[in-house]
PDB file of N, CA and C in Angstrom:
ATOM      1  N   MET A   1     215.338  59.529  45.382  1.00  0.00           N
ATOM      2  CA  MET A   1     215.698  60.339  44.236  1.00  0.00           C
ATOM      3  C   MET A   1     217.203  60.266  43.985  1.00  0.00           C
ATOM      4  N   TYR A   2     218.021  60.513  45.000  1.00  0.00           N
ATOM      5  CA  TYR A   2     219.471  60.506  44.818  1.00  0.00           C
ATOM      6  C   TYR A   2     220.112  59.220  45.327  1.00  0.00           C
ATOM      7  N   GLY A   3     219.344  58.287  45.788  1.00  0.00           N
ATOM      8  CA  GLY A   3     219.900  57.040  46.303  1.00  0.00           C
ATOM      9  C   GLY A   3     219.374  56.764  47.692  1.00  0.00           C
ATOM     10  N   SER A   4     219.805  55.677  48.237  1.00  0.00           N
ATOM     11  CA  SER A   4     219.325  55.305  49.566  1.00  0.00           C
ATOM     12  C   SER A   4     219.956  56.213  50.624  1.00  0.00           C
ATOM     13  N   ASN A   5     219.369  56.206  51.792  1.00  0.00           N
ATOM     14  CA  ASN A   5     219.886  57.011  52.897  1.00  0.00           C
ATOM     15  C   ASN A   5     221.240  56.499  53.369  1.00  0.00           C
ATOM     16  N   TYR A   6     221.503  55.209  53.175  1.00  0.00           N
ATOM     17  CA  TYR A   6     222.774  54.654  53.629  1.00  0.00           C
ATOM     18  C   TYR A   6     223.955  55.277  52.897  1.00  0.00           C
ATOM     19  N   GLU A   7     223.773  55.625  51.631  1.00  0.00           N
ATOM     20  CA  GLU A   7     224.858  56.240  50.865  1.00  0.00           C
ATOM     21  C   GLU A   7     225.303  57.552  51.489  1.00  0.00           C
ATOM     22  N   TYR A   8     224.385  58.283  52.064  1.00  0.00           N
ATOM     23  CA  TYR A   8     224.709  59.589  52.626  1.00  0.00           C
ATOM     24  C   TYR A   8     224.999  59.521  54.117  1.00  0.00           C
ATOM     25  N   SER A   9     224.617  58.442  54.780  1.00  0.00           N
ATOM     26  CA  SER A   9     224.855  58.353  56.214  1.00  0.00           C
ATOM     27  C   SER A   9     226.334  58.198  56.533  1.00  0.00           C
ATOM     28  N   ILE A  10     227.126  57.723  55.574  1.00  0.00           N
ATOM     29  CA  ILE A  10     228.561  57.598  55.823  1.00  0.00           C
ATOM     30  C   ILE A  10     229.192  58.975  56.020  1.00  0.00           C
ATOM     31  N   PHE A  11     228.632  59.997  55.401  1.00  0.00           N
ATOM     32  CA  PHE A  11     229.175  61.339  55.572  1.00  0.00           C
ATOM     33  C   PHE A  11     228.641  61.998  56.839  1.00  0.00           C
ATOM     34  N   LEU A  12     227.455  61.647  57.251  1.00  0.00           N
ATOM     35  CA  LEU A  12     226.865  62.263  58.425  1.00  0.00           C
ATOM     36  C   LEU A  12     227.243  61.548  59.718  1.00  0.00           C
ATOM     37  N   LEU A  13     227.495  60.247  59.625  1.00  0.00           N
ATOM     38  CA  LEU A  13     227.864  59.435  60.776  1.00  0.00           C
ATOM     39  C   LEU A  13     226.883  59.602  61.933  1.00  0.00           C
ATOM     40  N   GLN A  14     225.615  59.511  61.621  1.00  0.00           N
ATOM     41  CA  GLN A  14     224.595  59.668  62.641  1.00  0.00           C
ATOM     42  C   GLN A  14     224.376  58.376  63.413  1.00  0.00           C
ATOM     43  N   ASP A  15     224.613  57.259  62.794  1.00  0.00           N
ATOM     44  CA  ASP A  15     224.330  55.976  63.396  1.00  0.00           C
ATOM     45  C   ASP A  15     225.613  55.397  63.997  1.00  0.00           C
ATOM     46  N   GLN A  16     225.529  54.849  65.188  1.00  0.00           N
ATOM     47  CA  GLN A  16     226.690  54.257  65.840  1.00  0.00           C
ATOM     48  C   GLN A  16     227.226  53.078  65.033  1.00  0.00           C
ATOM     49  N   LYS A  17     226.338  52.358  64.376  1.00  0.00           N
ATOM     50  CA  LYS A  17     226.755  51.216  63.567  1.00  0.00           C
ATOM     51  C   LYS A  17     227.630  51.669  62.403  1.00  0.00           C
ATOM     52  N   ASP A  18     227.310  52.816  61.807  1.00  0.00           N
ATOM     53  CA  ASP A  18     228.127  53.360  60.728  1.00  0.00           C
ATOM     54  C   ASP A  18     229.517  53.736  61.226  1.00  0.00           C
ATOM     55  N   LYS A  19     229.588  54.321  62.398  1.00  0.00           N
ATOM     56  CA  LYS A  19     230.885  54.683  62.974  1.00  0.00           C
ATOM     57  C   LYS A  19     231.724  53.439  63.230  1.00  0.00           C
ATOM     58  N   GLU A  20     231.072  52.382  63.716  1.00  0.00           N
ATOM     59  CA  GLU A  20     231.791  51.138  63.971  1.00  0.00           C
ATOM     60  C   GLU A  20     232.288  50.515  62.672  1.00  0.00           C
ATOM     61  N   ARG A  21     231.499  50.603  61.607  1.00  0.00           N
ATOM     62  CA  ARG A  21     231.923  50.062  60.316  1.00  0.00           C
ATOM     63  C   ARG A  21     233.138  50.808  59.780  1.00  0.00           C
ATOM     64  N   ILE A  22     233.138  52.116  59.924  1.00  0.00           N
ATOM     65  CA  ILE A  22     234.273  52.914  59.443  1.00  0.00           C
ATOM     66  C   ILE A  22     235.516  52.610  60.265  1.00  0.00           C
ATOM     67  N   MET A  23     235.366  52.519  61.583  1.00  0.00           N
ATOM     68  CA  MET A  23     236.513  52.186  62.429  1.00  0.00           C
ATOM     69  C   MET A  23     237.036  50.793  62.112  1.00  0.00           C
ATOM     70  N   GLU A  24     236.142  49.864  61.852  1.00  0.00           N
ATOM     71  CA  GLU A  24     236.559  48.511  61.483  1.00  0.00           C
ATOM     72  C   GLU A  24     237.321  48.525  60.160  1.00  0.00           C
ATOM     73  N   LEU A  25     236.820  49.286  59.207  1.00  0.00           N
ATOM     74  CA  LEU A  25     237.496  49.397  57.915  1.00  0.00           C
ATOM     75  C   LEU A  25     238.889  50.004  58.071  1.00  0.00           C
ATOM     76  N   LEU A  26     238.998  51.056  58.873  1.00  0.00           N
ATOM     77  CA  LEU A  26     240.291  51.711  59.077  1.00  0.00           C
ATOM     78  C   LEU A  26     241.276  50.802  59.805  1.00  0.00           C
ATOM     79  N   THR A  27     240.797  50.056  60.797  1.00  0.00           N
ATOM     80  CA  THR A  27     241.704  49.185  61.536  1.00  0.00           C
ATOM     81  C   THR A  27     242.115  47.963  60.720  1.00  0.00           C
ATOM     82  N   GLU A  28     241.225  47.468  59.857  1.00  0.00           N
ATOM     83  CA  GLU A  28     241.579  46.336  59.013  1.00  0.00           C
ATOM     84  C   GLU A  28     242.608  46.725  57.951  1.00  0.00           C
ATOM     85  N   HIS A  29     242.548  47.965  57.495  1.00  0.00           N
ATOM     86  CA  HIS A  29     243.421  48.422  56.410  1.00  0.00           C
ATOM     87  C   HIS A  29     244.314  49.575  56.860  1.00  0.00           C
ATOM     88  N   TRP A  30     244.839  49.474  58.079  1.00  0.00           N
ATOM     89  CA  TRP A  30     245.610  50.579  58.625  1.00  0.00           C
ATOM     90  C   TRP A  30     246.883  50.844  57.830  1.00  0.00           C
ATOM     91  N   GLU A  31     247.434  49.810  57.199  1.00  0.00           N
ATOM     92  CA  GLU A  31     248.655  50.012  56.409  1.00  0.00           C
ATOM     93  C   GLU A  31     248.403  50.963  55.251  1.00  0.00           C
ATOM     94  N   TYR A  32     247.271  50.782  54.584  1.00  0.00           N
ATOM     95  CA  TYR A  32     246.928  51.651  53.455  1.00  0.00           C
ATOM     96  C   TYR A  32     246.610  53.070  53.918  1.00  0.00           C
ATOM     97  N   VAL A  33     246.028  53.178  55.109  1.00  0.00           N
ATOM     98  CA  VAL A  33     245.736  54.509  55.658  1.00  0.00           C
ATOM     99  C   VAL A  33     247.038  55.252  55.926  1.00  0.00           C
ATOM    100  N   VAL A  34     248.005  54.556  56.507  1.00  0.00           N
ATOM    101  CA  VAL A  34     249.311  55.174  56.800  1.00  0.00           C
ATOM    102  C   VAL A  34     250.021  55.562  55.508  1.00  0.00           C
ATOM    103  N   ILE A  35     249.985  54.678  54.508  1.00  0.00           N
ATOM    104  CA  ILE A  35     250.622  54.983  53.223  1.00  0.00           C
ATOM    105  C   ILE A  35     249.974  56.209  52.584  1.00  0.00           C
ATOM    106  N   ALA A  36     248.643  56.300  52.644  1.00  0.00           N
ATOM    107  CA  ALA A  36     247.940  57.447  52.065  1.00  0.00           C
ATOM    108  C   ALA A  36     248.305  58.737  52.791  1.00  0.00           C
ATOM    109  N   ILE A  37     248.386  58.685  54.115  1.00  0.00           N
ATOM    110  CA  ILE A  37     248.741  59.883  54.885  1.00  0.00           C
ATOM    111  C   ILE A  37     250.168  60.314  54.573  1.00  0.00           C
ATOM    112  N   LEU A  38     251.098  59.362  54.508  1.00  0.00           N
ATOM    113  CA  LEU A  38     252.490  59.702  54.190  1.00  0.00           C
ATOM    114  C   LEU A  38     252.637  60.229  52.768  1.00  0.00           C
ATOM    115  N   ALA A  39     251.892  59.653  51.828  1.00  0.00           N
ATOM    116  CA  ALA A  39     251.942  60.142  50.443  1.00  0.00           C
ATOM    117  C   ALA A  39     251.383  61.558  50.359  1.00  0.00           C
ATOM    118  N   LEU A  40     250.290  61.809  51.058  1.00  0.00           N
ATOM    119  CA  LEU A  40     249.706  63.158  51.069  1.00  0.00           C
ATOM    120  C   LEU A  40     250.671  64.145  51.705  1.00  0.00           C
ATOM    121  N   ASP A  41     251.345  63.724  52.759  1.00  0.00           N
ATOM    122  CA  ASP A  41     252.326  64.582  53.413  1.00  0.00           C
ATOM    123  C   ASP A  41     253.455  64.943  52.445  1.00  0.00           C
ATOM    124  N   LYS A  42     253.918  63.986  51.665  1.00  0.00           N
ATOM    125  CA  LYS A  42     254.992  64.232  50.705  1.00  0.00           C
ATOM    126  C   LYS A  42     254.528  65.148  49.576  1.00  0.00           C
ATOM    127  N   VAL A  43     253.310  64.941  49.088  1.00  0.00           N
ATOM    128  CA  VAL A  43     252.769  65.794  48.023  1.00  0.00           C
ATOM    129  C   VAL A  43     252.645  67.235  48.505  1.00  0.00           C
ATOM    130  N   VAL A  44     252.160  67.417  49.714  1.00  0.00           N
ATOM    131  CA  VAL A  44     252.017  68.767  50.261  1.00  0.00           C
ATOM    132  C   VAL A  44     253.389  69.398  50.464  1.00  0.00           C
ATOM    133  N   ALA A  45     254.353  68.621  50.922  1.00  0.00           N
ATOM    134  CA  ALA A  45     255.697  69.161  51.150  1.00  0.00           C
ATOM    135  C   ALA A  45     256.356  69.593  49.842  1.00  0.00           C
ATOM    136  N   LEU A  46     256.069  68.892  48.758  1.00  0.00           N
ATOM    137  CA  LEU A  46     256.703  69.217  47.479  1.00  0.00           C
ATOM    138  C   LEU A  46     255.964  70.291  46.689  1.00  0.00           C
ATOM    139  N   SER A  47     254.752  70.634  47.093  1.00  0.00           N
ATOM    140  CA  SER A  47     254.000  71.644  46.352  1.00  0.00           C
ATOM    141  C   SER A  47     254.540  73.040  46.665  1.00  0.00           C
ATOM    142  N   PRO A  48     254.452  73.957  45.715  1.00  0.00           N
ATOM    143  CA  PRO A  48     255.001  75.295  45.928  1.00  0.00           C
ATOM    144  C   PRO A  48     254.124  76.200  46.795  1.00  0.00           C
ATOM    145  N   SER A  49     252.885  75.852  46.996  1.00  0.00           N
ATOM    146  CA  SER A  49     251.964  76.702  47.752  1.00  0.00           C
ATOM    147  C   SER A  49     252.202  76.588  49.255  1.00  0.00           C
ATOM    148  N   THR A  50     252.104  77.714  49.953  1.00  0.00           N
ATOM    149  CA  THR A  50     252.250  77.681  51.408  1.00  0.00           C
ATOM    150  C   THR A  50     250.913  77.446  52.102  1.00  0.00           C
ATOM    151  N   TRP A  51     249.826  77.755  51.418  1.00  0.00           N
ATOM    152  CA  TRP A  51     248.508  77.591  52.053  1.00  0.00           C
ATOM    153  C   TRP A  51     248.187  76.133  52.304  1.00  0.00           C
ATOM    154  N   ASP A  52     248.563  75.257  51.383  1.00  0.00           N
ATOM    155  CA  ASP A  52     248.291  73.841  51.623  1.00  0.00           C
ATOM    156  C   ASP A  52     249.169  73.304  52.752  1.00  0.00           C
ATOM    157  N   ASP A  53     250.357  73.862  52.921  1.00  0.00           N
ATOM    158  CA  ASP A  53     251.203  73.469  54.050  1.00  0.00           C
ATOM    159  C   ASP A  53     250.545  73.829  55.374  1.00  0.00           C
ATOM    160  N   LEU A  54     249.977  75.019  55.442  1.00  0.00           N
ATOM    161  CA  LEU A  54     249.310  75.457  56.659  1.00  0.00           C
ATOM    162  C   LEU A  54     248.084  74.600  56.962  1.00  0.00           C
ATOM    163  N   LEU A  55     247.316  74.303  55.940  1.00  0.00           N
ATOM    164  CA  LEU A  55     246.126  73.475  56.112  1.00  0.00           C
ATOM    165  C   LEU A  55     246.510  72.061  56.537  1.00  0.00           C
ATOM    166  N   TRP A  56     247.503  71.477  55.885  1.00  0.00           N
ATOM    167  CA  TRP A  56     247.926  70.117  56.221  1.00  0.00           C
ATOM    168  C   TRP A  56     248.507  70.060  57.627  1.00  0.00           C
ATOM    169  N   THR A  57     249.225  71.093  58.042  1.00  0.00           N
ATOM    170  CA  THR A  57     249.769  71.128  59.401  1.00  0.00           C
ATOM    171  C   THR A  57     248.657  71.111  60.433  1.00  0.00           C
ATOM    172  N   SER A  58     247.590  71.852  60.187  1.00  0.00           N
ATOM    173  CA  SER A  58     246.475  71.850  61.138  1.00  0.00           C
ATOM    174  C   SER A  58     245.760  70.505  61.152  1.00  0.00           C
ATOM    175  N   VAL A  59     245.664  69.847  60.005  1.00  0.00           N
ATOM    176  CA  VAL A  59     245.052  68.516  59.952  1.00  0.00           C
ATOM    177  C   VAL A  59     245.929  67.509  60.700  1.00  0.00           C
ATOM    178  N   LYS A  60     247.258  67.591  60.498  1.00  0.00           N
ATOM    179  CA  LYS A  60     248.161  66.687  61.202  1.00  0.00           C
ATOM    180  C   LYS A  60     248.083  66.884  62.712  1.00  0.00           C
ATOM    181  N   LYS A  61     247.986  68.126  63.155  1.00  0.00           N
ATOM    182  CA  LYS A  61     247.856  68.384  64.589  1.00  0.00           C
ATOM    183  C   LYS A  61     246.586  67.752  65.136  1.00  0.00           C
ATOM    184  N   ALA A  62     245.505  67.853  64.377  1.00  0.00           N
ATOM    185  CA  ALA A  62     244.244  67.238  64.812  1.00  0.00           C
ATOM    186  C   ALA A  62     244.364  65.715  64.854  1.00  0.00           C
ATOM    187  N   LEU A  63     245.065  65.128  63.879  1.00  0.00           N
ATOM    188  CA  LEU A  63     245.265  63.679  63.874  1.00  0.00           C
ATOM    189  C   LEU A  63     246.110  63.236  65.070  1.00  0.00           C
ATOM    190  N   TYR A  64     247.175  63.977  65.357  1.00  0.00           N
ATOM    191  CA  TYR A  64     247.999  63.656  66.513  1.00  0.00           C
ATOM    192  C   TYR A  64     247.188  63.763  67.799  1.00  0.00           C
ATOM    193  N   LYS A  65     246.392  64.796  67.906  1.00  0.00           N
ATOM    194  CA  LYS A  65     245.592  64.996  69.101  1.00  0.00           C
ATOM    195  C   LYS A  65     244.555  63.881  69.253  1.00  0.00           C
ATOM    196  N   ALA A  66     243.931  63.485  68.148  1.00  0.00           N
ATOM    197  CA  ALA A  66     242.931  62.408  68.201  1.00  0.00           C
ATOM    198  C   ALA A  66     243.566  61.076  68.566  1.00  0.00           C
ATOM    199  N   ALA A  67     244.819  60.890  68.138  1.00  0.00           N
ATOM    200  CA  ALA A  67     245.526  59.642  68.457  1.00  0.00           C
ATOM    201  C   ALA A  67     246.130  59.651  69.848  1.00  0.00           C
ATOM    202  N   GLY A  68     246.119  60.811  70.503  1.00  0.00           N
ATOM    203  CA  GLY A  68     246.675  60.917  71.841  1.00  0.00           C
ATOM    204  C   GLY A  68     248.182  60.994  71.859  1.00  0.00           C
ATOM    205  N   LYS A  69     248.756  61.432  70.759  1.00  0.00           N
ATOM    206  CA  LYS A  69     250.219  61.524  70.650  1.00  0.00           C
ATOM    207  C   LYS A  69     250.644  62.981  70.713  1.00  0.00           C
ATOM    208  N   GLU A  70     251.890  63.176  71.152  1.00  0.00           N
ATOM    209  CA  GLU A  70     252.463  64.509  71.103  1.00  0.00           C
ATOM    210  C   GLU A  70     253.043  64.718  69.712  1.00  0.00           C
ATOM    211  N   GLU A  71     252.948  65.938  69.230  1.00  0.00           N
ATOM    212  CA  GLU A  71     253.471  66.252  67.908  1.00  0.00           C
ATOM    213  C   GLU A  71     254.988  66.259  67.930  1.00  0.00           C
ATOM    214  N   SER A  72     255.602  65.612  66.956  1.00  0.00           N
ATOM    215  CA  SER A  72     257.057  65.628  66.852  1.00  0.00           C
ATOM    216  C   SER A  72     257.488  66.913  66.181  1.00  0.00           C
ATOM    217  N   LYS A  73     258.590  67.470  66.656  1.00  0.00           N
ATOM    218  CA  LYS A  73     259.025  68.766  66.117  1.00  0.00           C
ATOM    219  C   LYS A  73     260.286  68.644  65.346  1.00  0.00           C
TER     220      LYS A  73
END
């Protein structure tokens, strides 16, 4: 009705093969991932809202933790 199951499995990540495909995509295009993260960081820093700063800070902490890096202060 809404499409094949594969279209929605990317969001659920139930299959190990899907996880490997996403990791392969991220590692092949890591430059674009870094550019997107830095651009998002700049947009959040320039926005007047404090709530998005708090949310982005928690996301960055999770990214640092997942990468095994210490957060720079």
